[in-house]
N, C-alpha and C. Protein backbone atom coordinates (compact mmCIF):
# COMPACT_ATOMS: atom_id res chain seq x y z
N MET A 1 17.44 23.31 -57.80
CA MET A 1 16.65 22.12 -57.58
C MET A 1 15.17 22.52 -57.56
N PRO A 2 14.33 21.84 -58.34
CA PRO A 2 12.91 22.19 -58.39
C PRO A 2 12.20 21.82 -57.09
N HIS A 3 11.16 22.57 -56.77
CA HIS A 3 10.35 22.34 -55.56
C HIS A 3 9.38 21.20 -55.82
N LEU A 4 9.29 20.25 -54.91
CA LEU A 4 8.39 19.11 -55.04
C LEU A 4 7.08 19.44 -54.35
N ASP A 5 5.98 19.42 -55.08
CA ASP A 5 4.66 19.73 -54.53
C ASP A 5 3.85 18.44 -54.44
N LEU A 6 3.58 18.00 -53.20
CA LEU A 6 2.83 16.76 -52.99
C LEU A 6 1.33 16.93 -53.20
N SER A 7 0.86 18.16 -53.28
CA SER A 7 -0.58 18.37 -53.39
C SER A 7 -1.18 17.75 -54.64
N SER A 8 -0.38 17.62 -55.67
CA SER A 8 -0.92 17.06 -56.91
C SER A 8 -1.01 15.53 -56.85
N CYS A 9 -0.22 14.88 -56.00
CA CYS A 9 -0.23 13.42 -55.98
C CYS A 9 -0.82 12.81 -54.71
N VAL A 10 -1.08 13.60 -53.69
CA VAL A 10 -1.64 13.07 -52.45
C VAL A 10 -2.82 13.95 -52.04
N GLU A 11 -3.94 13.31 -51.73
CA GLU A 11 -5.13 14.05 -51.33
C GLU A 11 -4.87 14.77 -50.00
N PRO A 12 -5.57 15.88 -49.74
CA PRO A 12 -5.33 16.65 -48.50
C PRO A 12 -5.48 15.85 -47.22
N HIS A 13 -6.53 15.02 -47.11
CA HIS A 13 -6.71 14.26 -45.88
C HIS A 13 -5.61 13.22 -45.70
N ARG A 14 -5.09 12.68 -46.78
CA ARG A 14 -3.99 11.70 -46.74
C ARG A 14 -2.69 12.40 -46.29
N ARG A 15 -2.47 13.65 -46.77
CA ARG A 15 -1.27 14.41 -46.36
C ARG A 15 -1.30 14.64 -44.85
N ARG A 16 -2.47 15.02 -44.32
CA ARG A 16 -2.59 15.24 -42.88
C ARG A 16 -2.31 13.95 -42.11
N TRP A 17 -2.83 12.84 -42.60
CA TRP A 17 -2.59 11.55 -41.95
C TRP A 17 -1.11 11.21 -41.97
N LEU A 18 -0.45 11.41 -43.12
CA LEU A 18 0.99 11.12 -43.22
C LEU A 18 1.79 12.00 -42.26
N LEU A 19 1.45 13.27 -42.21
CA LEU A 19 2.15 14.19 -41.31
C LEU A 19 1.92 13.80 -39.85
N GLY A 20 0.67 13.48 -39.50
CA GLY A 20 0.36 13.07 -38.13
C GLY A 20 1.08 11.79 -37.75
N THR A 21 1.13 10.84 -38.66
CA THR A 21 1.83 9.57 -38.41
C THR A 21 3.32 9.81 -38.22
N ALA A 22 3.90 10.63 -39.08
CA ALA A 22 5.33 10.93 -38.97
C ALA A 22 5.63 11.61 -37.63
N LEU A 23 4.77 12.51 -37.21
CA LEU A 23 4.96 13.19 -35.93
C LEU A 23 4.84 12.22 -34.76
N ALA A 24 3.86 11.31 -34.82
CA ALA A 24 3.69 10.32 -33.76
C ALA A 24 4.90 9.40 -33.67
N VAL A 25 5.45 8.99 -34.80
CA VAL A 25 6.63 8.14 -34.81
C VAL A 25 7.82 8.88 -34.22
N LEU A 26 7.98 10.15 -34.57
CA LEU A 26 9.08 10.95 -34.04
C LEU A 26 8.98 11.07 -32.51
N ILE A 27 7.79 11.36 -32.01
CA ILE A 27 7.60 11.49 -30.56
C ILE A 27 7.87 10.16 -29.86
N ALA A 28 7.39 9.07 -30.45
CA ALA A 28 7.63 7.75 -29.85
C ALA A 28 9.11 7.43 -29.81
N CYS A 29 9.83 7.74 -30.88
CA CYS A 29 11.28 7.49 -30.91
C CYS A 29 12.00 8.33 -29.87
N LEU A 30 11.63 9.60 -29.77
CA LEU A 30 12.27 10.47 -28.77
C LEU A 30 11.97 9.97 -27.36
N SER A 31 10.74 9.53 -27.14
CA SER A 31 10.36 9.03 -25.82
C SER A 31 11.16 7.79 -25.46
N LEU A 32 11.33 6.87 -26.40
CA LEU A 32 12.09 5.65 -26.13
C LEU A 32 13.55 5.96 -25.86
N THR A 33 14.13 6.87 -26.63
CA THR A 33 15.55 7.16 -26.45
C THR A 33 15.84 7.95 -25.19
N THR A 34 14.83 8.59 -24.63
CA THR A 34 15.04 9.34 -23.39
C THR A 34 14.45 8.60 -22.20
N GLY A 35 14.18 7.30 -22.35
CA GLY A 35 13.63 6.51 -21.24
C GLY A 35 12.25 6.94 -20.83
N GLY A 36 11.49 7.53 -21.76
CA GLY A 36 10.13 7.95 -21.46
C GLY A 36 10.06 9.37 -20.92
N ALA A 37 11.20 10.00 -20.71
CA ALA A 37 11.20 11.34 -20.12
C ALA A 37 10.58 12.37 -21.04
N PHE A 38 10.69 12.20 -22.36
CA PHE A 38 10.16 13.17 -23.30
C PHE A 38 8.65 13.26 -23.19
N ALA A 39 8.00 12.13 -23.07
CA ALA A 39 6.54 12.11 -23.03
C ALA A 39 5.99 12.43 -21.65
N ALA A 40 6.80 12.34 -20.61
CA ALA A 40 6.31 12.54 -19.25
C ALA A 40 6.20 14.03 -18.94
N SER A 41 5.10 14.40 -18.35
CA SER A 41 4.92 15.77 -17.92
C SER A 41 5.64 15.96 -16.59
N SER A 42 6.31 17.08 -16.42
CA SER A 42 7.08 17.30 -15.20
C SER A 42 6.18 17.41 -13.98
N LYS A 43 4.91 17.79 -14.15
CA LYS A 43 4.05 17.90 -12.98
C LYS A 43 3.62 16.54 -12.46
N HIS A 44 3.80 15.48 -13.25
CA HIS A 44 3.45 14.13 -12.83
C HIS A 44 4.69 13.28 -12.57
N ARG A 45 5.84 13.87 -12.51
CA ARG A 45 7.07 13.11 -12.34
C ARG A 45 7.18 12.60 -10.91
N LEU A 46 7.50 11.33 -10.78
CA LEU A 46 7.65 10.71 -9.47
C LEU A 46 9.06 10.93 -8.94
N PRO A 47 9.23 10.98 -7.64
CA PRO A 47 10.58 11.04 -7.08
C PRO A 47 11.35 9.78 -7.49
N ARG A 48 12.62 9.94 -7.74
CA ARG A 48 13.46 8.83 -8.17
C ARG A 48 13.39 7.68 -7.16
N SER A 49 13.36 8.01 -5.89
CA SER A 49 13.32 6.97 -4.86
C SER A 49 12.03 6.14 -4.95
N THR A 50 10.94 6.76 -5.36
CA THR A 50 9.68 6.03 -5.54
C THR A 50 9.80 5.06 -6.70
N ILE A 51 10.41 5.52 -7.80
CA ILE A 51 10.60 4.67 -8.97
C ILE A 51 11.50 3.49 -8.62
N VAL A 52 12.58 3.76 -7.89
CA VAL A 52 13.50 2.68 -7.48
C VAL A 52 12.76 1.66 -6.61
N ALA A 53 11.96 2.13 -5.65
CA ALA A 53 11.21 1.22 -4.78
C ALA A 53 10.23 0.38 -5.60
N ALA A 54 9.56 1.00 -6.58
CA ALA A 54 8.63 0.25 -7.43
C ALA A 54 9.38 -0.77 -8.27
N GLN A 55 10.54 -0.39 -8.82
CA GLN A 55 11.33 -1.33 -9.61
C GLN A 55 11.78 -2.51 -8.76
N GLN A 56 12.16 -2.25 -7.53
CA GLN A 56 12.57 -3.34 -6.64
C GLN A 56 11.39 -4.27 -6.37
N ALA A 57 10.21 -3.70 -6.16
CA ALA A 57 9.02 -4.51 -5.92
C ALA A 57 8.63 -5.32 -7.16
N LEU A 58 8.92 -4.77 -8.34
CA LEU A 58 8.61 -5.46 -9.59
C LEU A 58 9.67 -6.49 -9.98
N GLY A 59 10.83 -6.43 -9.33
CA GLY A 59 11.90 -7.38 -9.63
C GLY A 59 12.69 -7.04 -10.87
N VAL A 60 12.76 -5.75 -11.23
CA VAL A 60 13.58 -5.32 -12.37
C VAL A 60 14.75 -4.49 -11.86
N ALA A 61 15.72 -4.24 -12.74
CA ALA A 61 16.89 -3.44 -12.36
C ALA A 61 16.42 -2.08 -11.84
N ALA A 62 16.83 -1.75 -10.63
CA ALA A 62 16.38 -0.52 -9.97
C ALA A 62 17.34 0.62 -10.28
N ASP A 63 17.10 1.30 -11.42
CA ASP A 63 17.95 2.41 -11.82
C ASP A 63 17.24 3.76 -11.72
N GLY A 64 15.96 3.75 -11.34
CA GLY A 64 15.23 5.00 -11.18
C GLY A 64 14.72 5.58 -12.48
N ILE A 65 14.84 4.83 -13.57
CA ILE A 65 14.38 5.30 -14.88
C ILE A 65 13.29 4.35 -15.37
N ILE A 66 12.16 4.91 -15.77
CA ILE A 66 11.08 4.08 -16.28
C ILE A 66 11.30 3.89 -17.78
N GLY A 67 12.03 2.85 -18.11
CA GLY A 67 12.31 2.52 -19.49
C GLY A 67 11.43 1.38 -19.97
N PRO A 68 11.73 0.83 -21.14
CA PRO A 68 10.89 -0.23 -21.72
C PRO A 68 10.74 -1.47 -20.83
N LYS A 69 11.81 -1.94 -20.18
CA LYS A 69 11.72 -3.13 -19.33
C LYS A 69 10.83 -2.86 -18.12
N THR A 70 10.97 -1.69 -17.52
CA THR A 70 10.14 -1.35 -16.37
C THR A 70 8.68 -1.24 -16.79
N ARG A 71 8.41 -0.61 -17.94
CA ARG A 71 7.04 -0.49 -18.41
C ARG A 71 6.41 -1.87 -18.66
N ARG A 72 7.18 -2.81 -19.24
CA ARG A 72 6.66 -4.17 -19.46
C ARG A 72 6.33 -4.83 -18.13
N ALA A 73 7.22 -4.67 -17.14
CA ALA A 73 6.99 -5.25 -15.82
C ALA A 73 5.75 -4.63 -15.16
N ILE A 74 5.57 -3.33 -15.34
CA ILE A 74 4.40 -2.66 -14.77
C ILE A 74 3.13 -3.21 -15.42
N ARG A 75 3.13 -3.34 -16.75
CA ARG A 75 1.95 -3.87 -17.45
C ARG A 75 1.63 -5.30 -16.99
N ARG A 76 2.67 -6.15 -16.85
CA ARG A 76 2.45 -7.52 -16.37
C ARG A 76 1.81 -7.50 -14.99
N PHE A 77 2.37 -6.67 -14.11
CA PHE A 77 1.86 -6.57 -12.75
C PHE A 77 0.40 -6.10 -12.76
N GLN A 78 0.12 -5.07 -13.57
CA GLN A 78 -1.23 -4.54 -13.62
C GLN A 78 -2.22 -5.60 -14.11
N ARG A 79 -1.83 -6.38 -15.13
CA ARG A 79 -2.70 -7.44 -15.63
C ARG A 79 -2.99 -8.47 -14.54
N ARG A 80 -1.92 -8.91 -13.85
CA ARG A 80 -2.06 -9.94 -12.82
C ARG A 80 -2.92 -9.50 -11.64
N HIS A 81 -2.94 -8.19 -11.38
CA HIS A 81 -3.65 -7.69 -10.21
C HIS A 81 -4.97 -7.00 -10.55
N GLY A 82 -5.43 -7.19 -11.78
CA GLY A 82 -6.73 -6.65 -12.17
C GLY A 82 -6.79 -5.14 -12.22
N LEU A 83 -5.65 -4.51 -12.45
CA LEU A 83 -5.60 -3.05 -12.55
C LEU A 83 -5.71 -2.63 -14.01
N ARG A 84 -6.05 -1.39 -14.23
CA ARG A 84 -6.07 -0.85 -15.60
C ARG A 84 -4.64 -0.90 -16.13
N VAL A 85 -4.45 -1.51 -17.29
CA VAL A 85 -3.11 -1.72 -17.85
C VAL A 85 -2.68 -0.47 -18.61
N THR A 86 -1.76 0.29 -18.00
CA THR A 86 -1.28 1.53 -18.59
C THR A 86 0.24 1.53 -18.79
N GLY A 87 0.94 0.70 -18.04
CA GLY A 87 2.40 0.74 -18.09
C GLY A 87 2.98 1.91 -17.32
N ARG A 88 2.13 2.57 -16.53
CA ARG A 88 2.57 3.73 -15.74
C ARG A 88 2.43 3.44 -14.25
N LEU A 89 3.24 4.11 -13.47
CA LEU A 89 3.17 3.97 -12.01
C LEU A 89 2.14 4.96 -11.47
N ASN A 90 0.88 4.63 -11.65
CA ASN A 90 -0.19 5.48 -11.14
C ASN A 90 -0.44 5.15 -9.67
N PRO A 91 -1.23 5.94 -8.98
CA PRO A 91 -1.44 5.71 -7.54
C PRO A 91 -1.95 4.31 -7.19
N ARG A 92 -2.87 3.75 -7.99
CA ARG A 92 -3.38 2.40 -7.69
C ARG A 92 -2.30 1.34 -7.85
N THR A 93 -1.48 1.48 -8.88
CA THR A 93 -0.40 0.51 -9.09
C THR A 93 0.61 0.60 -7.95
N LEU A 94 0.98 1.82 -7.58
CA LEU A 94 1.92 2.00 -6.47
C LEU A 94 1.36 1.40 -5.19
N ALA A 95 0.07 1.62 -4.93
CA ALA A 95 -0.55 1.07 -3.72
C ALA A 95 -0.51 -0.45 -3.75
N ALA A 96 -0.81 -1.04 -4.92
CA ALA A 96 -0.79 -2.51 -5.04
C ALA A 96 0.61 -3.06 -4.84
N LEU A 97 1.61 -2.28 -5.25
CA LEU A 97 3.01 -2.68 -5.06
C LEU A 97 3.47 -2.46 -3.61
N GLY A 98 2.68 -1.69 -2.85
CA GLY A 98 3.07 -1.37 -1.48
C GLY A 98 4.10 -0.26 -1.41
N VAL A 99 4.10 0.61 -2.43
CA VAL A 99 5.06 1.72 -2.52
C VAL A 99 4.30 3.02 -2.35
N THR A 100 4.80 3.89 -1.49
CA THR A 100 4.18 5.20 -1.34
C THR A 100 4.86 6.17 -2.28
N SER A 101 4.08 7.07 -2.86
CA SER A 101 4.65 8.02 -3.82
C SER A 101 4.94 9.37 -3.20
N SER A 102 4.81 9.47 -1.90
CA SER A 102 5.04 10.74 -1.23
C SER A 102 6.52 11.07 -1.20
N ALA A 103 6.87 12.22 -1.75
CA ALA A 103 8.27 12.65 -1.73
C ALA A 103 8.68 13.13 -0.34
N SER A 104 7.71 13.53 0.47
CA SER A 104 8.04 14.10 1.77
C SER A 104 8.70 13.11 2.71
N ALA A 105 8.47 11.83 2.51
CA ALA A 105 9.01 10.83 3.41
C ALA A 105 10.51 10.66 3.27
N ASP A 106 11.05 10.98 2.10
CA ASP A 106 12.48 10.73 1.92
C ASP A 106 13.24 11.93 1.36
N THR A 107 12.67 13.11 1.44
CA THR A 107 13.39 14.30 1.02
C THR A 107 13.76 15.10 2.25
N VAL A 108 14.74 15.96 2.10
CA VAL A 108 15.25 16.73 3.22
C VAL A 108 15.16 18.21 2.89
N ALA A 109 14.68 19.00 3.83
CA ALA A 109 14.60 20.44 3.62
C ALA A 109 16.01 21.00 3.44
N PRO A 110 16.17 22.01 2.56
CA PRO A 110 17.51 22.54 2.26
C PRO A 110 18.32 22.92 3.50
N GLY A 111 17.70 23.50 4.52
CA GLY A 111 18.43 23.91 5.71
C GLY A 111 18.93 22.74 6.55
N ASP A 112 18.34 21.57 6.36
CA ASP A 112 18.68 20.40 7.16
C ASP A 112 19.68 19.45 6.49
N VAL A 113 20.17 19.80 5.31
CA VAL A 113 21.05 18.91 4.56
C VAL A 113 22.30 18.56 5.35
N GLN A 114 22.98 19.55 5.91
CA GLN A 114 24.22 19.28 6.64
C GLN A 114 23.97 18.39 7.85
N ALA A 115 22.91 18.68 8.58
CA ALA A 115 22.59 17.87 9.76
C ALA A 115 22.25 16.45 9.35
N GLU A 116 21.50 16.29 8.27
CA GLU A 116 21.14 14.95 7.79
C GLU A 116 22.38 14.19 7.33
N LEU A 117 23.29 14.85 6.63
CA LEU A 117 24.52 14.19 6.17
C LEU A 117 25.38 13.76 7.36
N GLU A 118 25.46 14.59 8.38
CA GLU A 118 26.24 14.22 9.58
C GLU A 118 25.64 12.99 10.25
N LYS A 119 24.31 12.96 10.32
CA LYS A 119 23.61 11.81 10.92
C LYS A 119 23.88 10.54 10.11
N ILE A 120 23.79 10.64 8.80
CA ILE A 120 24.03 9.49 7.93
C ILE A 120 25.46 9.00 8.06
N ALA A 121 26.42 9.94 8.03
CA ALA A 121 27.84 9.56 8.12
C ALA A 121 28.14 8.87 9.45
N GLN A 122 27.58 9.37 10.54
CA GLN A 122 27.80 8.75 11.85
C GLN A 122 27.26 7.33 11.86
N CYS A 123 26.11 7.15 11.31
CA CYS A 123 25.47 5.83 11.29
C CYS A 123 26.21 4.87 10.36
N GLU A 124 26.58 5.34 9.17
CA GLU A 124 27.18 4.47 8.16
C GLU A 124 28.62 4.07 8.49
N SER A 125 29.42 5.04 8.95
CA SER A 125 30.86 4.76 9.11
C SER A 125 31.46 5.31 10.39
N GLY A 126 30.62 5.84 11.26
CA GLY A 126 31.16 6.52 12.44
C GLY A 126 31.85 7.82 12.05
N GLY A 127 31.56 8.32 10.83
CA GLY A 127 32.16 9.56 10.35
C GLY A 127 33.56 9.38 9.77
N ASP A 128 34.00 8.14 9.58
CA ASP A 128 35.35 7.85 9.08
C ASP A 128 35.37 7.85 7.54
N PRO A 129 36.06 8.81 6.93
CA PRO A 129 36.11 8.88 5.46
C PRO A 129 36.87 7.71 4.81
N THR A 130 37.64 6.96 5.59
CA THR A 130 38.41 5.84 5.02
C THR A 130 37.76 4.49 5.30
N ALA A 131 36.56 4.47 5.88
CA ALA A 131 35.90 3.22 6.26
C ALA A 131 35.57 2.37 5.03
N VAL A 132 35.71 1.06 5.21
CA VAL A 132 35.37 0.09 4.17
C VAL A 132 34.60 -1.04 4.86
N SER A 133 33.48 -1.44 4.27
CA SER A 133 32.68 -2.52 4.86
C SER A 133 33.48 -3.82 4.83
N PRO A 134 33.17 -4.78 5.70
CA PRO A 134 33.94 -6.04 5.76
C PRO A 134 34.07 -6.76 4.41
N ASP A 135 33.02 -6.70 3.59
CA ASP A 135 33.11 -7.38 2.30
C ASP A 135 33.67 -6.48 1.19
N GLY A 136 33.97 -5.21 1.51
CA GLY A 136 34.57 -4.29 0.55
C GLY A 136 33.59 -3.62 -0.39
N THR A 137 32.30 -3.90 -0.25
CA THR A 137 31.30 -3.34 -1.16
C THR A 137 31.06 -1.86 -0.91
N TYR A 138 30.97 -1.47 0.35
CA TYR A 138 30.63 -0.10 0.72
C TYR A 138 31.88 0.62 1.23
N ARG A 139 32.07 1.87 0.73
CA ARG A 139 33.34 2.52 0.97
C ARG A 139 33.18 4.00 1.30
N GLY A 140 33.98 4.48 2.22
CA GLY A 140 34.02 5.89 2.56
C GLY A 140 33.06 6.28 3.66
N LYS A 141 33.03 7.56 3.93
CA LYS A 141 32.26 8.15 5.02
C LYS A 141 30.76 7.83 4.91
N TYR A 142 30.24 7.78 3.67
CA TYR A 142 28.81 7.55 3.44
C TYR A 142 28.54 6.15 2.89
N GLN A 143 29.58 5.31 2.88
CA GLN A 143 29.47 3.93 2.43
C GLN A 143 28.87 3.82 1.02
N PHE A 144 29.50 4.52 0.08
CA PHE A 144 29.11 4.46 -1.32
C PHE A 144 29.49 3.10 -1.91
N THR A 145 28.71 2.62 -2.87
CA THR A 145 29.20 1.53 -3.72
C THR A 145 30.01 2.22 -4.81
N ARG A 146 30.90 1.49 -5.43
CA ARG A 146 31.71 2.10 -6.50
C ARG A 146 30.82 2.57 -7.66
N ALA A 147 29.75 1.82 -7.95
CA ALA A 147 28.85 2.20 -9.04
C ALA A 147 28.15 3.53 -8.74
N THR A 148 27.66 3.69 -7.52
CA THR A 148 27.01 4.94 -7.14
C THR A 148 28.01 6.08 -7.17
N TRP A 149 29.21 5.84 -6.69
CA TRP A 149 30.26 6.85 -6.68
C TRP A 149 30.54 7.35 -8.10
N ARG A 150 30.67 6.41 -9.04
CA ARG A 150 30.93 6.79 -10.44
C ARG A 150 29.73 7.52 -11.03
N ARG A 151 28.52 7.06 -10.74
CA ARG A 151 27.31 7.70 -11.26
C ARG A 151 27.22 9.16 -10.81
N LEU A 152 27.72 9.45 -9.63
CA LEU A 152 27.68 10.80 -9.09
C LEU A 152 28.82 11.67 -9.61
N GLY A 153 29.76 11.06 -10.34
CA GLY A 153 30.88 11.82 -10.89
C GLY A 153 32.20 11.59 -10.19
N GLY A 154 32.23 10.70 -9.21
CA GLY A 154 33.47 10.40 -8.50
C GLY A 154 34.36 9.47 -9.32
N THR A 155 35.65 9.55 -9.06
CA THR A 155 36.59 8.65 -9.72
C THR A 155 37.42 7.95 -8.65
N GLY A 156 37.92 6.77 -8.99
CA GLY A 156 38.74 6.03 -8.04
C GLY A 156 37.92 5.44 -6.91
N ASP A 157 38.59 5.20 -5.80
CA ASP A 157 37.99 4.57 -4.62
C ASP A 157 37.37 5.64 -3.72
N PRO A 158 36.09 5.53 -3.39
CA PRO A 158 35.47 6.52 -2.51
C PRO A 158 36.20 6.66 -1.17
N ALA A 159 36.70 5.55 -0.62
CA ALA A 159 37.38 5.59 0.68
C ALA A 159 38.73 6.30 0.61
N ALA A 160 39.26 6.48 -0.59
CA ALA A 160 40.53 7.18 -0.76
C ALA A 160 40.33 8.64 -1.16
N ALA A 161 39.10 9.01 -1.44
CA ALA A 161 38.80 10.39 -1.87
C ALA A 161 38.84 11.33 -0.67
N PRO A 162 39.14 12.60 -0.92
CA PRO A 162 39.13 13.57 0.18
C PRO A 162 37.73 13.68 0.80
N GLU A 163 37.70 13.98 2.07
CA GLU A 163 36.43 14.05 2.79
C GLU A 163 35.49 15.09 2.16
N TRP A 164 36.03 16.23 1.73
CA TRP A 164 35.18 17.26 1.13
C TRP A 164 34.48 16.73 -0.12
N GLU A 165 35.17 15.87 -0.90
CA GLU A 165 34.57 15.32 -2.11
C GLU A 165 33.46 14.32 -1.75
N GLN A 166 33.70 13.52 -0.71
CA GLN A 166 32.67 12.58 -0.25
C GLN A 166 31.43 13.36 0.23
N ASP A 167 31.67 14.44 0.96
CA ASP A 167 30.55 15.28 1.44
C ASP A 167 29.78 15.86 0.26
N LYS A 168 30.49 16.35 -0.73
CA LYS A 168 29.87 16.97 -1.91
C LYS A 168 29.01 15.96 -2.67
N LEU A 169 29.55 14.76 -2.90
CA LEU A 169 28.80 13.76 -3.66
C LEU A 169 27.66 13.16 -2.84
N ALA A 170 27.82 13.07 -1.54
CA ALA A 170 26.72 12.61 -0.68
C ALA A 170 25.59 13.64 -0.71
N ALA A 171 25.93 14.91 -0.70
CA ALA A 171 24.90 15.97 -0.79
C ALA A 171 24.18 15.89 -2.13
N LYS A 172 24.91 15.60 -3.18
CA LYS A 172 24.32 15.45 -4.51
C LYS A 172 23.35 14.26 -4.53
N LEU A 173 23.76 13.15 -3.92
CA LEU A 173 22.92 11.95 -3.84
C LEU A 173 21.68 12.22 -2.99
N LEU A 174 21.86 12.91 -1.89
CA LEU A 174 20.74 13.24 -1.02
C LEU A 174 19.74 14.14 -1.75
N ALA A 175 20.24 15.10 -2.53
CA ALA A 175 19.35 15.99 -3.28
C ALA A 175 18.58 15.23 -4.36
N ALA A 176 19.24 14.25 -4.98
CA ALA A 176 18.60 13.51 -6.07
C ALA A 176 17.64 12.44 -5.57
N ASP A 177 18.03 11.71 -4.52
CA ASP A 177 17.27 10.53 -4.10
C ASP A 177 16.71 10.60 -2.70
N GLY A 178 16.90 11.72 -2.02
CA GLY A 178 16.46 11.78 -0.63
C GLY A 178 17.29 10.83 0.21
N THR A 179 16.70 10.31 1.26
CA THR A 179 17.42 9.43 2.18
C THR A 179 17.33 7.96 1.78
N ALA A 180 16.65 7.66 0.67
CA ALA A 180 16.46 6.27 0.24
C ALA A 180 17.76 5.47 0.11
N PRO A 181 18.88 6.05 -0.34
CA PRO A 181 20.11 5.25 -0.46
C PRO A 181 20.67 4.78 0.89
N TRP A 182 20.19 5.34 1.98
CA TRP A 182 20.67 4.96 3.32
C TRP A 182 19.47 4.51 4.16
N PRO A 183 18.81 3.43 3.77
CA PRO A 183 17.55 3.06 4.44
C PRO A 183 17.71 2.74 5.93
N ASN A 184 18.86 2.27 6.34
CA ASN A 184 19.05 1.90 7.75
C ASN A 184 19.51 3.08 8.61
N CYS A 185 19.91 4.16 7.98
CA CYS A 185 20.48 5.27 8.74
C CYS A 185 19.71 6.57 8.64
N ALA A 186 18.76 6.64 7.75
CA ALA A 186 18.07 7.94 7.54
C ALA A 186 16.95 8.12 8.55
């Protein structure tokens, strides 16, 4: 197969523009498919609990991921409140939403995980791994919803799972979201 040389049919500055445009489109596509994670720098990443709190304040699905719907809601909010419209949860936007971005308020030091889990379990269910809330929504020692249980990798009914599995998945949730999932008990 012969080699195709674009230099004869496209001027050098046009080739650079085409390459730059193609690269920008690729980055934008990757960013959209990863919920914005590709474009986000890890040093500016917000704690998941902060994102969830902001999504709740914005009235969008609180999944902890800043996707296209959340960005649109942020831009609307910023416009309405006279903020610079960026579509990002910057400090001024968070302050206007009444959300603090400090991770220290809802994270737990590694040595305190077991003590924190015991405190949460006592508050949520009295430490009973088979506990079920009166309406059936919250289940098990840590009162998981079925959706949260599945998201963490659990199968079946949390209240029927072995206590060690409930402890393991609660520790996973605590590591990911801090104490935010248990606002009344943390």
